[in-house]
PDB file of N, CA and C in Angstrom:
ATOM      1  N   MET A   1       0.722  -1.340  -0.021  1.00  0.00           N
ATOM      2  CA  MET A   1       0.300  -0.353  -0.095  1.00  0.00           C
ATOM      3  C   MET A   1       0.912   1.138  -0.063  1.00  0.00           C
ATOM      4  N   GLY A   2       0.583   1.934  -1.064  1.00  0.00           N
ATOM      5  CA  GLY A   2       1.082   3.338  -0.930  1.00  0.00           C
ATOM      6  C   GLY A   2       1.441   4.126   0.078  1.00  0.00           C
ATOM      7  N   VAL A   3       2.213   5.187   0.237  1.00  0.00           N
ATOM      8  CA  VAL A   3       2.051   6.677   1.347  1.00  0.00           C
ATOM      9  C   VAL A   3       0.620   6.999   1.383  1.00  0.00           C
ATOM     10  N   ILE A   4       0.580   7.425  -0.303  1.00  0.00           N
ATOM     11  CA  ILE A   4      -1.006   8.016  -0.385  1.00  0.00           C
ATOM     12  C   ILE A   4      -1.671   7.756  -0.302  1.00  0.00           C
ATOM     13  N   SER A   5      -2.104   5.986  -0.009  1.00  0.00           N
ATOM     14  CA  SER A   5      -2.907   5.855   0.374  1.00  0.00           C
ATOM     15  C   SER A   5      -3.726   5.580   1.592  1.00  0.00           C
ATOM     16  N   ARG A   6      -2.449   5.316   2.089  1.00  0.00           N
ATOM     17  CA  ARG A   6      -2.514   5.393   3.811  1.00  0.00           C
ATOM     18  C   ARG A   6      -2.910   6.627   4.341  1.00  0.00           C
ATOM     19  N   TYR A   7      -2.481   7.595   3.830  1.00  0.00           N
ATOM     20  CA  TYR A   7      -2.732   9.019   4.115  1.00  0.00           C
ATOM     21  C   TYR A   7      -3.909   9.773   3.856  1.00  0.00           C
ATOM     22  N   PHE A   8      -4.541   9.078   2.881  1.00  0.00           N
ATOM     23  CA  PHE A   8      -6.162   9.180   2.997  1.00  0.00           C
ATOM     24  C   PHE A   8      -7.263   8.239   3.717  1.00  0.00           C
ATOM     25  N   GLU A   9      -6.416   7.351   4.230  1.00  0.00           N
ATOM     26  CA  GLU A   9      -7.166   6.481   4.842  1.00  0.00           C
ATOM     27  C   GLU A   9      -7.339   7.041   6.330  1.00  0.00           C
ATOM     28  N   ARG A  10      -6.291   7.325   6.977  1.00  0.00           N
ATOM     29  CA  ARG A  10      -6.425   8.361   7.911  1.00  0.00           C
ATOM     30  C   ARG A  10      -6.981   9.282   7.672  1.00  0.00           C
ATOM     31  N   LEU A  11      -7.217   9.924   6.666  1.00  0.00           N
ATOM     32  CA  LEU A  11      -8.006  11.018   6.733  1.00  0.00           C
ATOM     33  C   LEU A  11      -9.457  11.139   6.847  1.00  0.00           C
ATOM     34  N   VAL A  12      -9.633  10.297   6.242  1.00  0.00           N
ATOM     35  CA  VAL A  12     -10.585   9.608   6.434  1.00  0.00           C
ATOM     36  C   VAL A  12     -11.473   9.291   8.070  1.00  0.00           C
ATOM     37  N   ALA A  13     -10.584   8.686   8.226  1.00  0.00           N
ATOM     38  CA  ALA A  13     -10.642   8.314   9.363  1.00  0.00           C
ATOM     39  C   ALA A  13     -10.958   9.725  10.567  1.00  0.00           C
ATOM     40  N   ILE A  14     -10.251  10.388  10.348  1.00  0.00           N
ATOM     41  CA  ILE A  14     -10.125  11.393  11.128  1.00  0.00           C
ATOM     42  C   ILE A  14     -11.136  12.290  10.587  1.00  0.00           C
ATOM     43  N   VAL A  15     -11.522  12.745   9.866  1.00  0.00           N
ATOM     44  CA  VAL A  15     -13.247  13.313   9.008  1.00  0.00           C
ATOM     45  C   VAL A  15     -14.020  12.246   9.495  1.00  0.00           C
ATOM     46  N   ARG A  16     -14.337  11.232   9.347  1.00  0.00           N
ATOM     47  CA  ARG A  16     -15.502  10.370   9.862  1.00  0.00           C
ATOM     48  C   ARG A  16     -15.318   9.485  10.922  1.00  0.00           C
ATOM     49  N   PRO A  17     -14.925   9.737  12.373  1.00  0.00           N
ATOM     50  CA  PRO A  17     -14.240   9.275  13.387  1.00  0.00           C
ATOM     51  C   PRO A  17     -15.509   7.846  13.787  1.00  0.00           C
ATOM     52  N   ASN A  18     -16.627   8.612  13.936  1.00  0.00           N
ATOM     53  CA  ASN A  18     -17.167   7.317  14.538  1.00  0.00           C
ATOM     54  C   ASN A  18     -18.326   6.977  13.567  1.00  0.00           C
ATOM     55  N   ARG A  19     -18.009   6.255  12.114  1.00  0.00           N
ATOM     56  CA  ARG A  19     -18.492   5.979  11.519  1.00  0.00           C
ATOM     57  C   ARG A  19     -19.455   4.425  11.701  1.00  0.00           C
ATOM     58  N   THR A  20     -20.470   4.264  11.760  1.00  0.00           N
ATOM     59  CA  THR A  20     -21.325   3.157  12.056  1.00  0.00           C
ATOM     60  C   THR A  20     -21.498   2.622  10.944  1.00  0.00           C
ATOM     61  N   VAL A  21     -21.790   0.790  11.067  1.00  0.00           N
ATOM     62  CA  VAL A  21     -21.777  -0.041   9.816  1.00  0.00           C
ATOM     63  C   VAL A  21     -23.149   0.102   9.052  1.00  0.00           C
ATOM     64  N   PRO A  22     -22.796   0.542   8.001  1.00  0.00           N
ATOM     65  CA  PRO A  22     -24.585   0.635   7.279  1.00  0.00           C
ATOM     66  C   PRO A  22     -25.017  -0.176   7.367  1.00  0.00           C
ATOM     67  N   PRO A  23     -25.821  -0.432   7.568  1.00  0.00           N
ATOM     68  CA  PRO A  23     -27.130  -1.786   7.618  1.00  0.00           C
ATOM     69  C   PRO A  23     -27.368  -2.410   6.172  1.00  0.00           C
ATOM     70  N   GLN A  24     -27.604  -3.405   6.117  1.00  0.00           N
ATOM     71  CA  GLN A  24     -27.797  -4.381   4.621  1.00  0.00           C
ATOM     72  C   GLN A  24     -28.736  -4.221   4.311  1.00  0.00           C
ATOM     73  N   VAL A  25     -28.678  -4.222   3.180  1.00  0.00           N
ATOM     74  CA  VAL A  25     -30.268  -4.248   2.513  1.00  0.00           C
ATOM     75  C   VAL A  25     -30.226  -5.292   1.651  1.00  0.00           C
ATOM     76  N   LEU A  26     -31.339  -6.336   1.326  1.00  0.00           N
ATOM     77  CA  LEU A  26     -31.557  -7.482   0.765  1.00  0.00           C
ATOM     78  C   LEU A  26     -32.624  -7.001   0.488  1.00  0.00           C
ATOM     79  N   VAL A  27     -33.223  -7.444  -1.032  1.00  0.00           N
ATOM     80  CA  VAL A  27     -34.164  -6.814  -1.854  1.00  0.00           C
ATOM     81  C   VAL A  27     -34.704  -7.846  -2.740  1.00  0.00           C
ATOM     82  N   ASN A  28     -36.657  -8.139  -2.809  1.00  0.00           N
ATOM     83  CA  ASN A  28     -37.083  -8.862  -3.164  1.00  0.00           C
ATOM     84  C   ASN A  28     -38.067  -8.553  -3.738  1.00  0.00           C
ATOM     85  N   ASP A  29     -39.340  -9.494  -3.947  1.00  0.00           N
ATOM     86  CA  ASP A  29     -40.113  -8.909  -4.878  1.00  0.00           C
ATOM     87  C   ASP A  29     -41.432  -8.365  -3.271  1.00  0.00           C
ATOM     88  N   GLU A  30     -41.082  -8.406  -2.096  1.00  0.00           N
ATOM     89  CA  GLU A  30     -42.282  -8.528  -0.767  1.00  0.00           C
ATOM     90  C   GLU A  30     -41.544  -6.576  -0.775  1.00  0.00           C
ATOM     91  N   GLY A  31     -40.452  -6.183  -1.290  1.00  0.00           N
ATOM     92  CA  GLY A  31     -40.146  -5.161  -0.461  1.00  0.00           C
ATOM     93  C   GLY A  31     -38.364  -5.332  -0.161  1.00  0.00           C
ATOM     94  N   LEU A  32     -37.603  -4.306   0.414  1.00  0.00           N
ATOM     95  CA  LEU A  32     -36.404  -4.360   1.131  1.00  0.00           C
ATOM     96  C   LEU A  32     -36.711  -4.322   2.387  1.00  0.00           C
ATOM     97  N   ARG A  33     -35.286  -4.925   2.890  1.00  0.00           N
ATOM     98  CA  ARG A  33     -34.967  -5.663   4.426  1.00  0.00           C
ATOM     99  C   ARG A  33     -33.884  -5.022   4.923  1.00  0.00           C
ATOM    100  N   ILE A  34     -34.555  -3.668   5.164  1.00  0.00           N
ATOM    101  CA  ILE A  34     -33.041  -2.905   5.906  1.00  0.00           C
ATOM    102  C   ILE A  34     -32.726  -3.132   7.193  1.00  0.00           C
ATOM    103  N   GLY A  35     -31.221  -3.547   7.320  1.00  0.00           N
ATOM    104  CA  GLY A  35     -31.089  -4.571   8.471  1.00  0.00           C
ATOM    105  C   GLY A  35     -31.955  -5.359   8.586  1.00  0.00           C
ATOM    106  N   GLY A  36     -32.962  -5.666  10.223  1.00  0.00           N
ATOM    107  CA  GLY A  36     -33.470  -6.350  10.548  1.00  0.00           C
ATOM    108  C   GLY A  36     -35.506  -6.038  10.297  1.00  0.00           C
ATOM    109  N   GLU A  37     -35.287  -4.201   9.781  1.00  0.00           N
ATOM    110  CA  GLU A  37     -36.680  -4.380   9.007  1.00  0.00           C
ATOM    111  C   GLU A  37     -37.051  -3.977   7.722  1.00  0.00           C
ATOM    112  N   LEU A  38     -38.707  -4.662   7.917  1.00  0.00           N
ATOM    113  CA  LEU A  38     -38.930  -4.940   5.828  1.00  0.00           C
ATOM    114  C   LEU A  38     -39.645  -3.534   5.681  1.00  0.00           C
ATOM    115  N   VAL A  39     -39.248  -3.256   4.458  1.00  0.00           N
ATOM    116  CA  VAL A  39     -40.080  -2.393   3.968  1.00  0.00           C
ATOM    117  C   VAL A  39     -40.942  -2.567   3.015  1.00  0.00           C
ATOM    118  N   SER A  40     -41.961  -3.127   2.741  1.00  0.00           N
ATOM    119  CA  SER A  40     -42.503  -3.391   1.881  1.00  0.00           C
ATOM    120  C   SER A  40     -43.074  -2.315   0.589  1.00  0.00           C
ATOM    121  N   TRP A  41     -42.732  -2.953  -0.378  1.00  0.00           N
ATOM    122  CA  TRP A  41     -43.211  -1.892  -1.630  1.00  0.00           C
ATOM    123  C   TRP A  41     -44.094  -1.341  -1.587  1.00  0.00           C
ATOM    124  N   SER A  42     -45.016  -1.772  -1.522  1.00  0.00           N
ATOM    125  CA  SER A  42     -46.377  -0.943  -1.226  1.00  0.00           C
ATOM    126  C   SER A  42     -46.063   0.465   0.000  1.00  0.00           C
ATOM    127  N   ASP A  43     -45.265   0.158   0.750  1.00  0.00           N
ATOM    128  CA  ASP A  43     -45.545   0.851   2.124  1.00  0.00           C
ATOM    129  C   ASP A  43     -44.391   2.150   1.900  1.00  0.00           C
ATOM    130  N   VAL A  44     -44.147   2.337   0.473  1.00  0.00           N
ATOM    131  CA  VAL A  44     -42.933   3.248   0.279  1.00  0.00           C
ATOM    132  C   VAL A  44     -43.654   4.604  -0.057  1.00  0.00           C
ATOM    133  N   ARG A  45     -43.303   5.638   0.276  1.00  0.00           N
ATOM    134  CA  ARG A  45     -43.985   6.789   0.017  1.00  0.00           C
ATOM    135  C   ARG A  45     -43.350   7.496  -0.691  1.00  0.00           C
ATOM    136  N   ARG A  46     -41.824   7.745  -0.631  1.00  0.00           N
ATOM    137  CA  ARG A  46     -41.298   8.418  -0.902  1.00  0.00           C
ATOM    138  C   ARG A  46     -39.735   8.157  -1.039  1.00  0.00           C
ATOM    139  N   LEU A  47     -39.052   8.512  -2.167  1.00  0.00           N
ATOM    140  CA  LEU A  47     -37.404   8.186  -2.497  1.00  0.00           C
ATOM    141  C   LEU A  47     -37.212   9.134  -2.753  1.00  0.00           C
ATOM    142  N   ASP A  48     -35.663   9.593  -1.660  1.00  0.00           N
ATOM    143  CA  ASP A  48     -35.249  10.933  -2.213  1.00  0.00           C
ATOM    144  C   ASP A  48     -33.391  10.330  -2.096  1.00  0.00           C
ATOM    145  N   ALA A  49     -32.825  10.726  -3.343  1.00  0.00           N
ATOM    146  CA  ALA A  49     -31.331  10.805  -3.241  1.00  0.00           C
ATOM    147  C   ALA A  49     -30.375  11.808  -2.871  1.00  0.00           C
ATOM    148  N   TYR A  50     -29.356  11.716  -2.137  1.00  0.00           N
ATOM    149  CA  TYR A  50     -28.555  12.950  -1.802  1.00  0.00           C
ATOM    150  C   TYR A  50     -26.860  12.535  -1.766  1.00  0.00           C
ATOM    151  N   LYS A  51     -26.533  13.650  -1.561  1.00  0.00           N
ATOM    152  CA  LYS A  51     -24.513  13.310  -1.207  1.00  0.00           C
ATOM    153  C   LYS A  51     -24.540  14.149  -0.250  1.00  0.00           C
ATOM    154  N   ARG A  52     -23.588  13.783   0.698  1.00  0.00           N
ATOM    155  CA  ARG A  52     -23.441  14.442   1.659  1.00  0.00           C
ATOM    156  C   ARG A  52     -21.938  15.108   1.417  1.00  0.00           C
ATOM    157  N   ASP A  53     -20.995  15.552   1.630  1.00  0.00           N
ATOM    158  CA  ASP A  53     -19.468  16.524   1.875  1.00  0.00           C
ATOM    159  C   ASP A  53     -18.817  15.461   2.605  1.00  0.00           C
ATOM    160  N   ILE A  54     -17.724  14.906   2.262  1.00  0.00           N
ATOM    161  CA  ILE A  54     -17.170  14.036   3.413  1.00  0.00           C
ATOM    162  C   ILE A  54     -15.489  14.700   3.467  1.00  0.00           C
ATOM    163  N   TYR A  55     -15.275  15.688   2.677  1.00  0.00           N
ATOM    164  CA  TYR A  55     -14.037  16.837   2.808  1.00  0.00           C
ATOM    165  C   TYR A  55     -13.413  16.217   2.097  1.00  0.00           C
ATOM    166  N   VAL A  56     -13.296  14.691   1.723  1.00  0.00           N
ATOM    167  CA  VAL A  56     -12.609  14.170   0.836  1.00  0.00           C
ATOM    168  C   VAL A  56     -12.865  13.600  -0.539  1.00  0.00           C
ATOM    169  N   GLY A  57     -14.379  14.222  -0.949  1.00  0.00           N
ATOM    170  CA  GLY A  57     -15.252  13.671  -2.151  1.00  0.00           C
ATOM    171  C   GLY A  57     -16.261  13.523  -1.009  1.00  0.00           C
ATOM    172  N   ASP A  58     -17.569  13.079  -2.187  1.00  0.00           N
ATOM    173  CA  ASP A  58     -18.888  12.869  -1.837  1.00  0.00           C
ATOM    174  C   ASP A  58     -19.765  11.364  -1.025  1.00  0.00           C
ATOM    175  N   PHE A  59     -20.359  11.337  -0.620  1.00  0.00           N
ATOM    176  CA  PHE A  59     -20.860   9.915   0.266  1.00  0.00           C
ATOM    177  C   PHE A  59     -21.920  10.021  -0.396  1.00  0.00           C
ATOM    178  N   LEU A  60     -22.684   9.221  -1.309  1.00  0.00           N
ATOM    179  CA  LEU A  60     -24.257   9.259  -1.921  1.00  0.00           C
ATOM    180  C   LEU A  60     -24.997   7.947  -0.754  1.00  0.00           C
ATOM    181  N   CYS A  61     -26.195   8.719  -0.639  1.00  0.00           N
ATOM    182  CA  CYS A  61     -27.127   7.978   0.091  1.00  0.00           C
ATOM    183  C   CYS A  61     -28.790   8.249  -0.327  1.00  0.00           C
ATOM    184  N   LEU A  62     -29.365   7.326   0.482  1.00  0.00           N
ATOM    185  CA  LEU A  62     -31.097   7.245   0.473  1.00  0.00           C
ATOM    186  C   LEU A  62     -31.642   7.345   1.156  1.00  0.00           C
ATOM    187  N   ALA A  63     -32.460   8.431   1.204  1.00  0.00           N
ATOM    188  CA  ALA A  63     -33.927   8.193   2.320  1.00  0.00           C
ATOM    189  C   ALA A  63     -35.136   7.834   1.530  1.00  0.00           C
ATOM    190  N   ILE A  64     -35.517   6.800   2.562  1.00  0.00           N
ATOM    191  CA  ILE A  64     -36.809   5.987   2.402  1.00  0.00           C
ATOM    192  C   ILE A  64     -37.718   6.496   3.040  1.00  0.00           C
ATOM    193  N   LEU A  65     -38.657   6.824   2.616  1.00  0.00           N
ATOM    194  CA  LEU A  65     -39.645   7.790   3.893  1.00  0.00           C
ATOM    195  C   LEU A  65     -41.166   6.643   3.496  1.00  0.00           C
ATOM    196  N   SER A  66     -41.531   5.536   4.712  1.00  0.00           N
ATOM    197  CA  SER A  66     -42.372   4.741   4.878  1.00  0.00           C
ATOM    198  C   SER A  66     -44.020   4.987   5.333  1.00  0.00           C
ATOM    199  N   VAL A  67     -44.518   4.170   5.052  1.00  0.00           N
ATOM    200  CA  VAL A  67     -45.516   4.513   6.084  1.00  0.00           C
ATOM    201  C   VAL A  67     -45.767   4.598   7.562  1.00  0.00           C
ATOM    202  N   GLY A  68     -46.474   5.398   8.168  1.00  0.00           N
ATOM    203  CA  GLY A  68     -46.281   5.943   9.634  1.00  0.00           C
ATOM    204  C   GLY A  68     -45.166   7.199   9.418  1.00  0.00           C
ATOM    205  N   GLY A  69     -44.891   7.327   8.350  1.00  0.00           N
ATOM    206  CA  GLY A  69     -43.959   8.601   8.526  1.00  0.00           C
ATOM    207  C   GLY A  69     -42.008   8.070   9.122  1.00  0.00           C
ATOM    208  N   ARG A  70     -41.842   6.669   8.929  1.00  0.00           N
ATOM    209  CA  ARG A  70     -40.529   6.136   9.475  1.00  0.00           C
ATOM    210  C   ARG A  70     -40.053   6.428   8.204  1.00  0.00           C
ATOM    211  N   VAL A  71     -38.562   6.656   8.305  1.00  0.00           N
ATOM    212  CA  VAL A  71     -37.627   7.211   7.370  1.00  0.00           C
ATOM    213  C   VAL A  71     -36.314   5.952   7.642  1.00  0.00           C
ATOM    214  N   PHE A  72     -35.969   5.532   6.803  1.00  0.00           N
ATOM    215  CA  PHE A  72     -34.637   4.961   6.389  1.00  0.00           C
ATOM    216  C   PHE A  72     -33.585   5.230   6.112  1.00  0.00           C
ATOM    217  N   GLU A  73     -32.295   5.243   6.215  1.00  0.00           N
ATOM    218  CA  GLU A  73     -30.743   5.379   5.405  1.00  0.00           C
ATOM    219  C   GLU A  73     -30.105   4.607   5.282  1.00  0.00           C
ATOM    220  N   ILE A  74     -30.068   4.393   3.917  1.00  0.00           N
ATOM    221  CA  ILE A  74     -28.778   3.696   3.402  1.00  0.00           C
ATOM    222  C   ILE A  74     -27.620   4.457   2.559  1.00  0.00           C
ATOM    223  N   ASN A  75     -26.578   3.725   2.208  1.00  0.00           N
ATOM    224  CA  ASN A  75     -25.676   4.433   1.969  1.00  0.00           C
ATOM    225  C   ASN A  75     -24.765   3.639   0.725  1.00  0.00           C
ATOM    226  N   GLU A  76     -24.270   4.214  -0.226  1.00  0.00           N
ATOM    227  CA  GLU A  76     -23.475   3.119  -0.455  1.00  0.00           C
ATOM    228  C   GLU A  76     -22.472   2.594  -0.328  1.00  0.00           C
ATOM    229  N   GLU A  77     -22.084   2.533   0.720  1.00  0.00           N
ATOM    230  CA  GLU A  77     -21.706   1.353   1.245  1.00  0.00           C
ATOM    231  C   GLU A  77     -22.395   0.566   1.686  1.00  0.00           C
ATOM    232  N   SER A  78     -23.793   0.371   1.884  1.00  0.00           N
ATOM    233  CA  SER A  78     -24.551  -0.627   2.388  1.00  0.00           C
ATOM    234  C   SER A  78     -24.294  -1.466   1.468  1.00  0.00           C
ATOM    235  N   PRO A  79     -24.387  -3.043   1.998  1.00  0.00           N
ATOM    236  CA  PRO A  79     -24.085  -3.987   1.004  1.00  0.00           C
ATOM    237  C   PRO A  79     -26.043  -4.304   0.462  1.00  0.00           C
ATOM    238  N   GLY A  80     -25.821  -4.079  -0.815  1.00  0.00           N
ATOM    239  CA  GLY A  80     -27.219  -4.358  -1.052  1.00  0.00           C
ATOM    240  C   GLY A  80     -27.173  -3.377  -2.289  1.00  0.00           C
ATOM    241  N   TRP A  81     -26.786  -2.016  -1.949  1.00  0.00           N
ATOM    242  CA  TRP A  81     -27.069  -0.753  -2.383  1.00  0.00           C
ATOM    243  C   TRP A  81     -26.996  -0.671  -3.823  1.00  0.00           C
ATOM    244  N   ASP A  82     -26.503  -1.392  -4.677  1.00  0.00           N
ATOM    245  CA  ASP A  82     -26.828  -1.493  -6.201  1.00  0.00           C
ATOM    246  C   ASP A  82     -28.047  -2.193  -6.616  1.00  0.00           C
ATOM    247  N   GLU A  83     -28.145  -2.988  -5.718  1.00  0.00           N
ATOM    248  CA  GLU A  83     -29.610  -4.340  -6.188  1.00  0.00           C
ATOM    249  C   GLU A  83     -30.525  -3.037  -5.891  1.00  0.00           C
ATOM    250  N   THR A  84     -30.576  -2.690  -4.926  1.00  0.00           N
ATOM    251  CA  THR A  84     -31.581  -1.786  -4.448  1.00  0.00           C
ATOM    252  C   THR A  84     -31.601  -0.810  -5.957  1.00  0.00           C
ATOM    253  N   GLY A  85     -30.967  -0.217  -6.008  1.00  0.00           N
ATOM    254  CA  GLY A  85     -31.125   1.060  -7.577  1.00  0.00           C
ATOM    255  C   GLY A  85     -31.954   0.482  -8.160  1.00  0.00           C
ATOM    256  N   ALA A  86     -31.549  -1.115  -8.703  1.00  0.00           N
ATOM    257  CA  ALA A  86     -32.059  -1.454  -9.632  1.00  0.00           C
ATOM    258  C   ALA A  86     -33.542  -1.986  -9.315  1.00  0.00           C
ATOM    259  N   ALA A  87     -33.556  -2.156  -7.982  1.00  0.00           N
ATOM    260  CA  ALA A  87     -34.968  -2.554  -7.564  1.00  0.00           C
ATOM    261  C   ALA A  87     -36.225  -1.519  -7.561  1.00  0.00           C
ATOM    262  N   ILE A  88     -35.752  -0.754  -6.946  1.00  0.00           N
ATOM    263  CA  ILE A  88     -36.206   0.596  -7.405  1.00  0.00           C
ATOM    264  C   ILE A  88     -37.373   0.846  -8.177  1.00  0.00           C
ATOM    265  N   GLU A  89     -36.581   0.359  -9.612  1.00  0.00           N
ATOM    266  CA  GLU A  89     -37.189   1.278 -11.074  1.00  0.00           C
ATOM    267  C   GLU A  89     -37.949  -0.580 -11.398  1.00  0.00           C
ATOM    268  N   ARG A  90     -37.307  -1.413 -10.535  1.00  0.00           N
ATOM    269  CA  ARG A  90     -38.543  -2.225 -10.943  1.00  0.00           C
ATOM    270  C   ARG A  90     -39.730  -2.608 -10.406  1.00  0.00           C
ATOM    271  N   PHE A  91     -39.929  -2.289  -8.996  1.00  0.00           N
ATOM    272  CA  PHE A  91     -40.903  -2.714  -8.316  1.00  0.00           C
ATOM    273  C   PHE A  91     -41.688  -1.531  -7.837  1.00  0.00           C
ATOM    274  N   LEU A  92     -41.323  -0.116  -8.433  1.00  0.00           N
ATOM    275  CA  LEU A  92     -42.166   0.701  -8.428  1.00  0.00           C
ATOM    276  C   LEU A  92     -42.091   1.993  -9.377  1.00  0.00           C
ATOM    277  N   PRO A  93     -43.467   1.097 -10.043  1.00  0.00           N
ATOM    278  CA  PRO A  93     -44.040   2.230 -11.495  1.00  0.00           C
ATOM    279  C   PRO A  93     -44.089   3.464 -10.712  1.00  0.00           C
ATOM    280  N   GLY A  94     -43.279   4.241 -11.933  1.00  0.00           N
ATOM    281  CA  GLY A  94     -43.187   5.998 -12.088  1.00  0.00           C
ATOM    282  C   GLY A  94     -42.153   6.136 -11.374  1.00  0.00           C
ATOM    283  N   SER A  95     -41.257   5.601 -10.914  1.00  0.00           N
ATOM    284  CA  SER A  95     -40.034   6.191 -10.362  1.00  0.00           C
ATOM    285  C   SER A  95     -39.084   6.504 -11.247  1.00  0.00           C
ATOM    286  N   LEU A  96     -38.230   7.361 -11.226  1.00  0.00           N
ATOM    287  CA  LEU A  96     -36.826   8.054 -12.118  1.00  0.00           C
ATOM    288  C   LEU A  96     -36.398   5.978 -12.172  1.00  0.00           C
ATOM    289  N   PRO A  97     -35.789   5.847 -13.639  1.00  0.00           N
ATOM    290  CA  PRO A  97     -34.657   4.941 -13.805  1.00  0.00           C
ATOM    291  C   PRO A  97     -33.569   5.405 -13.045  1.00  0.00           C
ATOM    292  N   HIS A  98     -33.032   4.060 -12.835  1.00  0.00           N
ATOM    293  CA  HIS A  98     -31.616   3.940 -11.957  1.00  0.00           C
ATOM    294  C   HIS A  98     -31.131   4.616 -12.427  1.00  0.00           C
ATOM    295  N   ALA A  99     -30.154   4.753 -13.712  1.00  0.00           N
ATOM    296  CA  ALA A  99     -29.508   4.803 -14.312  1.00  0.00           C
ATOM    297  C   ALA A  99     -29.475   6.768 -14.149  1.00  0.00           C
ATOM    298  N   GLU A 100     -30.918   7.249 -14.732  1.00  0.00           N
ATOM    299  CA  GLU A 100     -30.888   8.925 -14.504  1.00  0.00           C
ATOM    300  C   GLU A 100     -31.362   9.128 -13.030  1.00  0.00           C
ATOM    301  N   TRP A 101     -31.556   8.704 -12.087  1.00  0.00           N
ATOM    302  CA  TRP A 101     -31.049   9.251 -11.057  1.00  0.00           C
ATOM    303  C   TRP A 101     -30.234   9.400 -10.366  1.00  0.00           C
ATOM    304  N   MET A 102     -28.881   8.471 -10.744  1.00  0.00           N
ATOM    305  CA  MET A 102     -27.718   8.548 -10.103  1.00  0.00           C
ATOM    306  C   MET A 102     -26.808   9.410 -11.348  1.00  0.00           C
ATOM    307  N   LEU A 103     -27.275   9.931 -12.605  1.00  0.00           N
ATOM    308  CA  LEU A 103     -26.442  10.831 -13.381  1.00  0.00           C
ATOM    309  C   LEU A 103     -26.457  12.009 -12.557  1.00  0.00           C
ATOM    310  N   ARG A 104     -28.374  12.327 -12.206  1.00  0.00           N
ATOM    311  CA  ARG A 104     -28.389  13.847 -11.599  1.00  0.00           C
ATOM    312  C   ARG A 104     -28.089  13.642 -10.268  1.00  0.00           C
ATOM    313  N   LEU A 105     -28.017  12.563  -9.429  1.00  0.00           N
ATOM    314  CA  LEU A 105     -27.212  12.657  -8.082  1.00  0.00           C
ATOM    315  C   LEU A 105     -25.441  12.952  -8.058  1.00  0.00           C
ATOM    316  N   ILE A 106     -24.840  12.380  -8.953  1.00  0.00           N
ATOM    317  CA  ILE A 106     -23.798  12.751  -9.167  1.00  0.00           C
ATOM    318  C   ILE A 106     -23.512  14.284  -9.821  1.00  0.00           C
ATOM    319  N   ALA A 107     -24.172  14.853 -10.506  1.00  0.00           N
ATOM    320  CA  ALA A 107     -24.571  16.170 -10.886  1.00  0.00           C
ATOM    321  C   ALA A 107     -24.829  17.346  -9.730  1.00  0.00           C
ATOM    322  N   VAL A 108     -25.575  17.098  -9.095  1.00  0.00           N
ATOM    323  CA  VAL A 108     -26.050  18.108  -7.884  1.00  0.00           C
ATOM    324  C   VAL A 108     -24.889  18.519  -6.897  1.00  0.00           C
ATOM    325  N   LYS A 109     -25.259  19.142  -5.974  1.00  0.00           N
ATOM    326  CA  LYS A 109     -24.525  19.955  -5.030  1.00  0.00           C
ATOM    327  C   LYS A 109     -24.478  19.369  -3.733  1.00  0.00           C
ATOM    328  N   PRO A 110     -23.496  18.849  -2.851  1.00  0.00           N
ATOM    329  CA  PRO A 110     -23.964  17.665  -1.546  1.00  0.00           C
ATOM    330  C   PRO A 110     -25.221  18.462  -1.008  1.00  0.00           C
ATOM    331  N   GLY A 111     -26.198  17.986  -0.096  1.00  0.00           N
ATOM    332  CA  GLY A 111     -27.190  18.443   0.090  1.00  0.00           C
ATOM    333  C   GLY A 111     -28.453  18.499  -0.556  1.00  0.00           C
ATOM    334  N   GLU A 112     -27.891  18.765  -1.815  1.00  0.00           N
ATOM    335  CA  GLU A 112     -30.037  19.122  -2.341  1.00  0.00           C
ATOM    336  C   GLU A 112     -30.488  17.543  -2.765  1.00  0.00           C
ATOM    337  N   MET A 113     -31.367  17.174  -3.375  1.00  0.00           N
ATOM    338  CA  MET A 113     -32.015  16.145  -3.375  1.00  0.00           C
ATOM    339  C   MET A 113     -32.392  15.891  -4.523  1.00  0.00           C
ATOM    340  N   VAL A 114     -32.606  14.637  -5.015  1.00  0.00           N
ATOM    341  CA  VAL A 114     -32.670  14.157  -6.331  1.00  0.00           C
ATOM    342  C   VAL A 114     -33.768  13.265  -5.810  1.00  0.00           C
ATOM    343  N   ALA A 115     -35.595  13.528  -6.355  1.00  0.00           N
ATOM    344  CA  ALA A 115     -36.665  12.681  -5.868  1.00  0.00           C
ATOM    345  C   ALA A 115     -36.266  11.641  -6.846  1.00  0.00           C
ATOM    346  N   ILE A 116     -36.489  10.707  -6.377  1.00  0.00           N
ATOM    347  CA  ILE A 116     -37.153   9.193  -7.070  1.00  0.00           C
ATOM    348  C   ILE A 116     -38.066   8.676  -6.937  1.00  0.00           C
ATOM    349  N   TYR A 117     -38.834   8.834  -6.421  1.00  0.00           N
ATOM    350  CA  TYR A 117     -40.171   8.106  -6.779  1.00  0.00           C
ATOM    351  C   TYR A 117     -41.052   8.970  -5.123  1.00  0.00           C
ATOM    352  N   PRO A 118     -42.187   9.643  -5.460  1.00  0.00           N
ATOM    353  CA  PRO A 118     -42.892   9.693  -6.543  1.00  0.00           C
ATOM    354  C   PRO A 118     -41.912  11.096  -7.937  1.00  0.00           C
ATOM    355  N   ALA A 119     -41.583  10.355  -8.967  1.00  0.00           N
ATOM    356  CA  ALA A 119     -40.712  11.342  -9.200  1.00  0.00           C
ATOM    357  C   ALA A 119     -41.092  12.567  -9.900  1.00  0.00           C
ATOM    358  N   THR A 120     -40.099  13.461  -9.596  1.00  0.00           N
ATOM    359  CA  THR A 120     -40.660  14.691 -10.387  1.00  0.00           C
ATOM    360  C   THR A 120     -39.759  14.982 -11.601  1.00  0.00           C
ATOM    361  N   ARG A 121     -40.180  15.130 -12.588  1.00  0.00           N
ATOM    362  CA  ARG A 121     -39.026  15.414 -13.517  1.00  0.00           C
ATOM    363  C   ARG A 121     -39.245  16.495 -13.952  1.00  0.00           C
ATOM    364  N   ALA A 122     -38.058  17.514 -14.533  1.00  0.00           N
ATOM    365  CA  ALA A 122     -37.614  18.781 -14.942  1.00  0.00           C
ATOM    366  C   ALA A 122     -38.285  18.359 -16.503  1.00  0.00           C
ATOM    367  N   VAL A 123     -38.451  19.634 -16.833  1.00  0.00           N
ATOM    368  CA  VAL A 123     -39.741  19.632 -18.169  1.00  0.00           C
ATOM    369  C   VAL A 123     -38.180  20.852 -19.275  1.00  0.00           C
TER     370      VAL A 123
END
């Protein structure tokens, strides 16, 4: 491992010292199992993607609003992140296609949201 790689690892550890392990996300026909909680597709009310500035780059996140006002957050380090993106498009009709919301997410400034579901399309 190079000196630069070790430097960046130490810098990230300083910037995000209390990182928790992201929850695993399992996807199936029923819904999303986030950690030990199941969010059925029919219970999803809103999905918003956003990124956080972590000083050495951006951190991609997804907020999932479920019935009853429950909010779940997963991020790009969550096992199952990629599968979740593909499943949203498949199981939530009317959502933005995965490729489109990822491109929009990359283009926005940290803190800005990309509405995935219900989708709001720019005209």
